[in-house]
Amino acid sequence: MLELTLDLGPRTYPIKIAAGLLRSPELPAQIRGAQALVVTNQTIAPLYLDPVLKTLATAGIDADSLTLPDGEQHKTLATLKTIFDQLIARHHHRDTTLIALGGGVIGDLTGFAAACYQRGVRFIQLPTTLLAQVDSSVGGKTAVNHPHGKNLIGAFHQPAAVLIDPDTLATLPPREYAAGLAEVIKYGLIADADFFEWLEQNMPGLLTRHPPLIAHAIATSCHTKAQIVAADETEQNRRALLNLGHTFGHAIEAAQNYRHWLHGEAVAAGLVLAARLSTKLGHLSQTGDPIQRITHLLAQANLPTALPPEIPPTKILNHMHLDKKVQSGQLHLVLLKKIGQAFTTPNFDPQKLIETLQEPQPTKNLP
């Protein structure tokens, strides 16, 4: 087992990575009371819900379950109410534990419900997608979407533990697996040039889901995120670096009503747009052709590298100005100085942003 720690003082928690964790005593060991609610979706429930419930029952934990529809379009206040309804109907008390069994949508919904129910209860992340394992399950960001923007309604609420079972990736469709690789690549870009180079060398093996390579990618990504979150839990400064590509990506998702591209696909295009804007603004040197390296690695991972051609740049720009990173009416962007070094700034030429969005670029076709 690989074990990391996210150090947040009294809210410090472990991030454990090992095959078979869903069926191990590690899960019930993280539950303090005698109640639990496992929240999952219609895709994951047939695969992993029964093993999790049996693991809990063996430990004497009275666990209920709730299966939600699958998809980003269901990450709403209406779905959140469904979780509250189940907790209340089944008489869950303040010592209950919510368990998020699924990808980023389930993690965000369950975490937000845990933050709100009886003013805050314990929850555990059991991420089953690569994107959730390397990113969204760690750090305590919980939220639902609004028609005008992604994750506009939410709270910071840290899990009690993140238990990552890479075995669940065996059932992940190729497109969703690739979407997770976008977040992995992001970590190399923002803080670890050596890791980015490792990804360039090992992407073919990662695409075949070679277990040692997957374990290294997950552990390295979680380590970087844990360090950043420990230094800036509520995103006052440094944690904003984790949003590289996300202001563009969230705008793409919102413009598509969360129904076409996956989150990681939108982030992938956003990473290229952030790099191109960084170059236009004179921050990212073209020495070594970083844009070509970034674009090639994302394309190699079967990810898009430009805006969807059917979406007008003006629509993307409008959604960007509704992003959570707008402060005092001013949009803050995460940009690159070089591969492995990102920074945030409100100071950029708006015309250069418009030019970047309007610049025609070939993109990989998605299924």
Protein backbone atom coordinates (compact mmCIF):
# COMPACT_ATOMS: atom_id res chain seq x y z
CA MET A 1 0.00 0.00 0.00
CA LEU A 2 1.09 3.55 -0.78
CA GLU A 3 0.01 6.02 1.87
CA LEU A 4 0.16 9.81 1.80
CA THR A 5 -1.04 12.34 4.36
CA LEU A 6 -2.82 15.61 3.75
CA ASP A 7 -1.70 17.66 6.75
CA LEU A 8 -4.44 20.03 7.89
CA GLY A 9 -3.88 19.97 11.63
CA PRO A 10 -6.93 18.51 13.39
CA ARG A 11 -8.46 17.66 9.98
CA THR A 12 -5.45 15.74 8.70
CA TYR A 13 -6.41 12.61 6.77
CA PRO A 14 -4.81 9.71 4.91
CA ILE A 15 -4.77 9.06 1.18
CA LYS A 16 -4.30 5.32 0.73
CA ILE A 17 -3.61 3.64 -2.61
CA ALA A 18 -3.79 -0.14 -2.95
CA ALA A 19 -5.46 -2.80 -5.04
CA GLY A 20 -8.50 -4.31 -3.31
CA LEU A 21 -9.18 -1.43 -0.90
CA LEU A 22 -12.92 -1.55 -1.58
CA ARG A 23 -13.01 -5.00 -0.01
CA SER A 24 -10.51 -4.42 2.78
CA PRO A 25 -10.94 -3.60 6.50
CA GLU A 26 -9.47 -0.15 5.74
CA LEU A 27 -12.95 1.09 4.83
CA PRO A 28 -14.88 0.23 8.02
CA ALA A 29 -11.87 1.32 10.07
CA GLN A 30 -12.54 4.89 8.93
CA ILE A 31 -16.14 4.92 10.19
CA ARG A 32 -16.72 6.20 13.73
CA GLY A 33 -20.43 5.54 14.28
CA ALA A 34 -22.71 2.63 13.44
CA GLN A 35 -24.43 4.26 10.46
CA ALA A 36 -23.31 4.94 6.91
CA LEU A 37 -24.84 5.92 3.60
CA VAL A 38 -23.09 4.80 0.42
CA VAL A 39 -23.87 7.18 -2.45
CA THR A 40 -23.12 5.90 -5.94
CA ASN A 41 -24.52 6.03 -9.48
CA GLN A 42 -26.23 3.72 -11.93
CA THR A 43 -22.98 2.88 -13.70
CA ILE A 44 -20.91 2.07 -10.62
CA ALA A 45 -23.58 0.35 -8.49
CA PRO A 46 -23.69 -2.92 -10.48
CA LEU A 47 -19.90 -3.14 -10.36
CA TYR A 48 -18.88 -2.21 -6.83
CA LEU A 49 -21.81 -1.44 -4.54
CA ASP A 50 -22.36 -5.01 -3.27
CA PRO A 51 -18.69 -5.58 -2.30
CA VAL A 52 -18.64 -2.29 -0.38
CA LEU A 53 -21.90 -3.07 1.44
CA LYS A 54 -20.65 -6.56 2.33
CA THR A 55 -17.38 -5.13 3.68
CA LEU A 56 -19.35 -2.74 5.90
CA ALA A 57 -21.86 -5.37 7.03
CA THR A 58 -19.04 -7.73 8.03
CA ALA A 59 -17.76 -4.99 10.33
CA GLY A 60 -21.21 -4.53 11.88
CA ILE A 61 -22.00 -1.20 10.20
CA ASP A 62 -25.61 -0.51 9.29
CA ALA A 63 -25.15 0.86 5.77
CA ASP A 64 -27.84 2.26 3.51
CA SER A 65 -27.23 3.02 -0.15
CA LEU A 66 -28.49 5.51 -2.69
CA THR A 67 -27.99 5.12 -6.44
CA LEU A 68 -28.16 8.33 -8.46
CA PRO A 69 -28.30 8.94 -12.21
CA ASP A 70 -24.91 9.12 -13.90
CA GLY A 71 -23.58 12.26 -15.54
CA GLU A 72 -22.44 15.84 -14.95
CA GLN A 73 -25.90 17.11 -15.88
CA HIS A 74 -27.21 15.56 -12.64
CA LYS A 75 -24.79 17.50 -10.40
CA THR A 76 -27.56 19.82 -9.26
CA LEU A 77 -29.38 21.06 -6.18
CA ALA A 78 -32.28 18.76 -7.09
CA THR A 79 -30.01 15.71 -6.89
CA LEU A 80 -28.49 17.01 -3.66
CA LYS A 81 -31.99 17.09 -2.17
CA THR A 82 -32.35 13.39 -3.03
CA ILE A 83 -29.41 12.63 -0.74
CA PHE A 84 -30.89 14.70 2.10
CA ASP A 85 -34.25 12.97 1.63
CA GLN A 86 -32.60 9.56 2.00
CA LEU A 87 -30.64 10.59 5.10
CA ILE A 88 -33.75 11.93 6.77
CA ALA A 89 -36.01 9.05 5.73
CA ARG A 90 -33.50 6.53 7.11
CA HIS A 91 -33.00 8.50 10.36
CA HIS A 92 -29.29 9.19 9.99
CA HIS A 93 -27.80 11.06 12.94
CA ARG A 94 -24.83 13.38 13.36
CA ASP A 95 -22.47 10.44 13.81
CA THR A 96 -23.30 8.98 10.40
CA THR A 97 -20.69 8.67 7.65
CA LEU A 98 -21.38 9.34 3.99
CA ILE A 99 -19.35 7.29 1.51
CA ALA A 100 -18.82 8.57 -2.02
CA LEU A 101 -18.45 5.56 -4.33
CA GLY A 102 -17.87 6.85 -7.84
CA GLY A 103 -16.23 9.58 -9.86
CA GLY A 104 -15.99 13.31 -9.44
CA VAL A 105 -19.72 14.01 -9.67
CA ILE A 106 -20.55 11.54 -6.90
CA GLY A 107 -17.65 12.81 -4.80
CA ASP A 108 -18.75 16.43 -5.13
CA LEU A 109 -22.41 15.69 -4.44
CA THR A 110 -21.71 13.44 -1.46
CA GLY A 111 -19.15 15.79 0.02
CA PHE A 112 -21.49 18.77 -0.28
CA ALA A 113 -24.31 16.78 1.31
CA ALA A 114 -21.95 15.82 4.16
CA ALA A 115 -20.97 19.47 4.60
CA CYS A 116 -24.60 20.51 4.95
CA TYR A 117 -26.41 17.63 6.68
CA GLN A 118 -26.91 18.52 10.34
CA ARG A 119 -24.24 21.22 9.79
CA GLY A 120 -21.57 18.73 8.84
CA VAL A 121 -20.98 14.98 9.07
CA ARG A 122 -18.08 12.69 8.28
CA PHE A 123 -17.52 11.39 4.75
CA ILE A 124 -15.11 9.10 2.93
CA GLN A 125 -14.01 9.21 -0.69
CA LEU A 126 -13.90 5.92 -2.63
CA PRO A 127 -13.02 7.26 -6.10
CA THR A 128 -13.53 4.83 -8.97
CA THR A 129 -12.36 6.97 -11.93
CA LEU A 130 -8.84 8.08 -12.70
CA LEU A 131 -9.87 11.74 -12.64
CA ALA A 132 -11.35 11.39 -9.16
CA GLN A 133 -8.41 9.33 -7.92
CA VAL A 134 -5.79 11.88 -8.96
CA ASP A 135 -7.70 15.09 -8.34
CA SER A 136 -11.28 15.66 -7.23
CA SER A 137 -11.35 13.21 -4.31
CA VAL A 138 -8.48 15.03 -2.57
CA GLY A 139 -8.73 18.50 -1.06
CA GLY A 140 -12.26 18.93 0.22
CA LYS A 141 -13.83 20.94 -2.60
CA THR A 142 -17.52 20.02 -2.85
CA ALA A 143 -20.15 21.64 -5.05
CA VAL A 144 -23.02 21.43 -7.49
CA ASN A 145 -23.41 23.19 -10.81
CA HIS A 146 -25.71 26.03 -11.82
CA PRO A 147 -26.94 26.51 -15.40
CA HIS A 148 -24.72 29.60 -15.61
CA GLY A 149 -21.55 28.02 -14.27
CA LYS A 150 -19.80 24.95 -12.91
CA ASN A 151 -19.39 24.41 -9.16
CA LEU A 152 -20.86 27.80 -8.29
CA ILE A 153 -22.67 26.45 -5.21
CA GLY A 154 -20.56 24.51 -2.73
CA ALA A 155 -18.41 24.33 0.37
CA PHE A 156 -14.99 23.25 1.56
CA HIS A 157 -15.49 20.03 3.55
CA GLN A 158 -12.56 17.64 3.93
CA PRO A 159 -13.07 13.87 3.80
CA ALA A 160 -12.03 11.68 6.71
CA ALA A 161 -10.04 9.52 4.29
CA VAL A 162 -9.46 8.93 0.59
CA LEU A 163 -9.20 5.23 -0.27
CA ILE A 164 -8.02 4.65 -3.84
CA ASP A 165 -8.38 1.20 -5.38
CA PRO A 166 -6.70 1.20 -8.82
CA ASP A 167 -8.46 -2.08 -9.62
CA THR A 168 -11.59 -0.04 -10.37
CA LEU A 169 -9.86 1.44 -13.41
CA ALA A 170 -10.13 -1.92 -15.19
CA THR A 171 -13.83 -1.25 -15.84
CA LEU A 172 -13.39 2.42 -16.78
CA PRO A 173 -14.26 3.17 -20.44
CA PRO A 174 -11.28 4.41 -22.51
CA ARG A 175 -12.74 7.88 -22.94
CA GLU A 176 -13.18 8.39 -19.19
CA TYR A 177 -9.72 7.00 -18.50
CA ALA A 178 -8.24 9.50 -20.96
CA ALA A 179 -10.18 12.29 -19.28
CA GLY A 180 -8.38 11.46 -16.04
CA LEU A 181 -5.02 11.70 -17.77
CA ALA A 182 -5.71 15.39 -18.43
CA GLU A 183 -5.56 16.07 -14.71
CA VAL A 184 -2.41 13.97 -14.38
CA ILE A 185 -0.74 16.03 -17.11
CA LYS A 186 -1.88 19.20 -15.35
CA TYR A 187 0.21 18.31 -12.28
CA GLY A 188 3.34 18.08 -14.38
CA LEU A 189 2.59 21.46 -15.93
CA ILE A 190 1.92 23.38 -12.73
CA ALA A 191 4.68 22.12 -10.45
CA ASP A 192 6.78 19.19 -11.68
CA ALA A 193 8.69 19.35 -14.96
CA ASP A 194 10.36 16.00 -14.21
CA PHE A 195 6.94 14.37 -13.87
CA PHE A 196 5.82 15.94 -17.16
CA GLU A 197 8.88 14.43 -18.84
CA TRP A 198 8.13 11.07 -17.19
CA LEU A 199 4.63 11.25 -18.66
CA GLU A 200 6.08 11.94 -22.12
CA GLN A 201 8.21 8.81 -21.77
CA ASN A 202 5.52 6.59 -20.28
CA MET A 203 2.23 7.62 -21.90
CA PRO A 204 2.08 4.46 -24.07
CA GLY A 205 2.32 2.30 -20.93
CA LEU A 206 -0.23 4.42 -19.10
CA LEU A 207 -2.66 3.97 -21.98
CA THR A 208 -2.36 0.19 -21.58
CA ARG A 209 -3.11 0.73 -17.85
CA HIS A 210 0.12 -0.90 -16.68
CA PRO A 211 -0.41 -1.14 -12.88
CA PRO A 212 3.00 0.14 -11.66
CA LEU A 213 2.78 3.14 -13.98
CA ILE A 214 -0.78 3.91 -12.90
CA ALA A 215 0.20 3.68 -9.23
CA HIS A 216 3.10 6.09 -9.77
CA ALA A 217 0.91 8.57 -11.66
CA ILE A 218 -1.78 8.50 -8.97
CA ALA A 219 0.68 8.81 -6.08
CA THR A 220 2.63 11.65 -7.70
CA SER A 221 -0.53 13.58 -8.54
CA CYS A 222 -1.97 13.14 -5.04
CA HIS A 223 1.35 14.12 -3.46
CA THR A 224 1.46 17.39 -5.40
CA LYS A 225 -2.16 18.20 -4.63
CA ALA A 226 -1.76 17.35 -0.93
CA GLN A 227 1.20 19.72 -0.64
CA ILE A 228 -0.66 22.56 -2.32
CA VAL A 229 -3.88 22.08 -0.34
CA ALA A 230 -1.98 21.83 2.95
CA ALA A 231 -0.44 25.23 2.21
CA ASP A 232 -3.68 26.88 1.08
CA GLU A 233 -6.81 24.92 1.97
CA THR A 234 -9.44 27.47 0.94
CA GLU A 235 -7.76 28.75 -2.22
CA GLN A 236 -6.61 32.16 -1.09
CA ASN A 237 -3.51 32.04 -3.28
CA ARG A 238 -1.38 28.98 -4.16
CA ARG A 239 -4.25 26.46 -4.47
CA ALA A 240 -5.55 28.42 -7.45
CA LEU A 241 -2.68 26.89 -9.45
CA LEU A 242 -4.68 23.66 -9.49
CA ASN A 243 -7.13 25.46 -11.79
CA LEU A 244 -4.72 25.58 -14.74
CA GLY A 245 -6.88 25.01 -17.82
CA HIS A 246 -10.05 24.91 -15.72
CA THR A 247 -11.37 28.43 -16.37
CA PHE A 248 -11.39 27.60 -20.07
CA GLY A 249 -12.56 24.04 -19.40
CA HIS A 250 -15.46 25.00 -17.14
CA ALA A 251 -16.61 27.53 -19.75
CA ILE A 252 -16.60 24.80 -22.41
CA GLU A 253 -18.66 22.52 -20.17
CA ALA A 254 -21.18 25.25 -19.32
CA ALA A 255 -21.49 26.26 -22.99
CA GLN A 256 -22.36 22.63 -23.78
CA ASN A 257 -24.82 22.39 -20.87
CA TYR A 258 -22.55 19.68 -19.37
CA ARG A 259 -23.75 17.17 -21.96
CA HIS A 260 -21.02 16.62 -24.56
CA TRP A 261 -17.41 16.74 -23.43
CA LEU A 262 -16.23 15.14 -20.20
CA HIS A 263 -14.61 17.39 -17.60
CA GLY A 264 -11.11 16.12 -18.35
CA GLU A 265 -11.62 16.63 -22.08
CA ALA A 266 -12.60 20.26 -21.51
CA VAL A 267 -9.62 20.74 -19.18
CA ALA A 268 -7.28 19.29 -21.82
CA ALA A 269 -8.36 21.91 -24.35
CA GLY A 270 -8.09 24.49 -21.58
CA LEU A 271 -4.49 23.53 -20.87
CA VAL A 272 -3.52 24.23 -24.48
CA LEU A 273 -5.43 27.53 -24.49
CA ALA A 274 -3.71 28.59 -21.26
CA ALA A 275 -0.32 27.75 -22.78
CA ARG A 276 -1.10 29.65 -25.99
CA LEU A 277 -2.27 32.70 -24.05
CA SER A 278 0.84 32.50 -21.86
CA THR A 279 2.97 32.66 -25.00
CA LYS A 280 0.99 35.56 -26.48
CA LEU A 281 1.46 37.50 -23.25
CA GLY A 282 5.21 36.85 -23.24
CA HIS A 283 5.25 34.64 -20.13
CA LEU A 284 5.95 31.24 -21.69
CA SER A 285 9.19 31.09 -23.64
CA GLN A 286 9.04 29.17 -26.90
CA THR A 287 12.46 27.67 -26.21
CA GLY A 288 12.06 23.90 -26.48
CA ASP A 289 8.61 24.40 -28.09
CA PRO A 290 6.53 23.86 -24.93
CA ILE A 291 3.21 24.28 -26.75
CA GLN A 292 4.12 21.50 -29.15
CA ARG A 293 5.13 19.27 -26.24
CA ILE A 294 1.91 19.98 -24.35
CA THR A 295 -0.28 19.51 -27.42
CA HIS A 296 1.50 16.31 -28.43
CA LEU A 297 1.21 14.73 -24.98
CA LEU A 298 -2.51 15.54 -24.72
CA ALA A 299 -3.16 14.23 -28.23
CA GLN A 300 -1.17 11.10 -27.42
CA ALA A 301 -3.50 10.62 -24.45
CA ASN A 302 -6.49 10.78 -26.85
CA LEU A 303 -7.61 14.20 -25.62
CA PRO A 304 -8.79 17.30 -27.50
CA THR A 305 -6.38 20.19 -27.91
CA ALA A 306 -8.66 23.07 -28.99
CA LEU A 307 -12.12 24.53 -28.49
CA PRO A 308 -15.13 22.65 -29.90
CA PRO A 309 -15.58 24.25 -33.33
CA GLU A 310 -19.34 24.65 -32.91
CA ILE A 311 -19.04 26.97 -29.87
CA PRO A 312 -18.54 30.69 -30.61
CA PRO A 313 -15.55 32.19 -28.74
CA THR A 314 -17.86 34.93 -27.40
CA LYS A 315 -19.92 32.29 -25.60
CA ILE A 316 -16.79 30.84 -24.00
CA LEU A 317 -15.71 34.32 -22.94
CA ASN A 318 -19.10 35.06 -21.36
CA HIS A 319 -18.95 31.87 -19.30
CA MET A 320 -15.37 32.62 -18.25
CA HIS A 321 -16.53 35.89 -16.70
CA LEU A 322 -18.99 33.94 -14.53
CA ASP A 323 -16.18 31.75 -13.20
CA LYS A 324 -15.46 31.55 -9.45
CA LYS A 325 -12.03 33.04 -10.16
CA VAL A 326 -13.57 36.43 -10.90
CA GLN A 327 -12.72 38.75 -8.00
CA SER A 328 -13.93 42.36 -7.73
CA GLY A 329 -15.18 42.05 -11.28
CA GLN A 330 -11.76 40.99 -12.57
CA LEU A 331 -10.97 37.58 -14.04
CA HIS A 332 -7.89 35.86 -12.60
CA LEU A 333 -6.17 33.37 -14.90
CA VAL A 334 -3.70 30.58 -14.23
CA LEU A 335 -0.89 30.78 -16.77
CA LEU A 336 2.52 29.21 -17.39
CA LYS A 337 6.05 30.58 -17.13
CA LYS A 338 7.43 27.23 -18.20
CA ILE A 339 6.52 23.57 -18.02
CA GLY A 340 6.52 22.87 -14.29
CA GLN A 341 5.86 26.46 -13.19
CA ALA A 342 2.39 28.02 -13.17
CA PHE A 343 1.24 31.32 -11.71
CA THR A 344 -2.00 33.29 -11.27
CA THR A 345 -2.61 36.81 -12.46
CA PRO A 346 -5.45 39.31 -13.02
CA ASN A 347 -3.15 41.33 -15.25
CA PHE A 348 -3.48 40.34 -18.89
CA ASP A 349 -4.44 41.97 -22.15
CA PRO A 350 -8.12 41.07 -22.78
CA GLN A 351 -7.57 41.35 -26.51
CA LYS A 352 -4.92 38.62 -26.32
CA LEU A 353 -7.46 36.39 -24.58
CA ILE A 354 -9.97 37.02 -27.37
CA GLU A 355 -7.31 36.32 -29.99
CA THR A 356 -6.45 33.04 -28.27
CA LEU A 357 -10.09 31.94 -28.29
CA GLN A 358 -10.55 32.93 -31.93
CA GLU A 359 -7.33 31.35 -33.20
CA PRO A 360 -8.22 28.30 -35.32
CA GLN A 361 -6.47 25.14 -34.14
CA PRO A 362 -6.94 21.52 -35.22
CA THR A 363 -8.40 19.29 -32.55
CA LYS A 364 -8.80 15.55 -32.19
CA ASN A 365 -12.28 14.29 -32.91
CA LEU A 366 -14.04 12.83 -29.90
CA PRO A 367 -16.40 9.89 -29.94
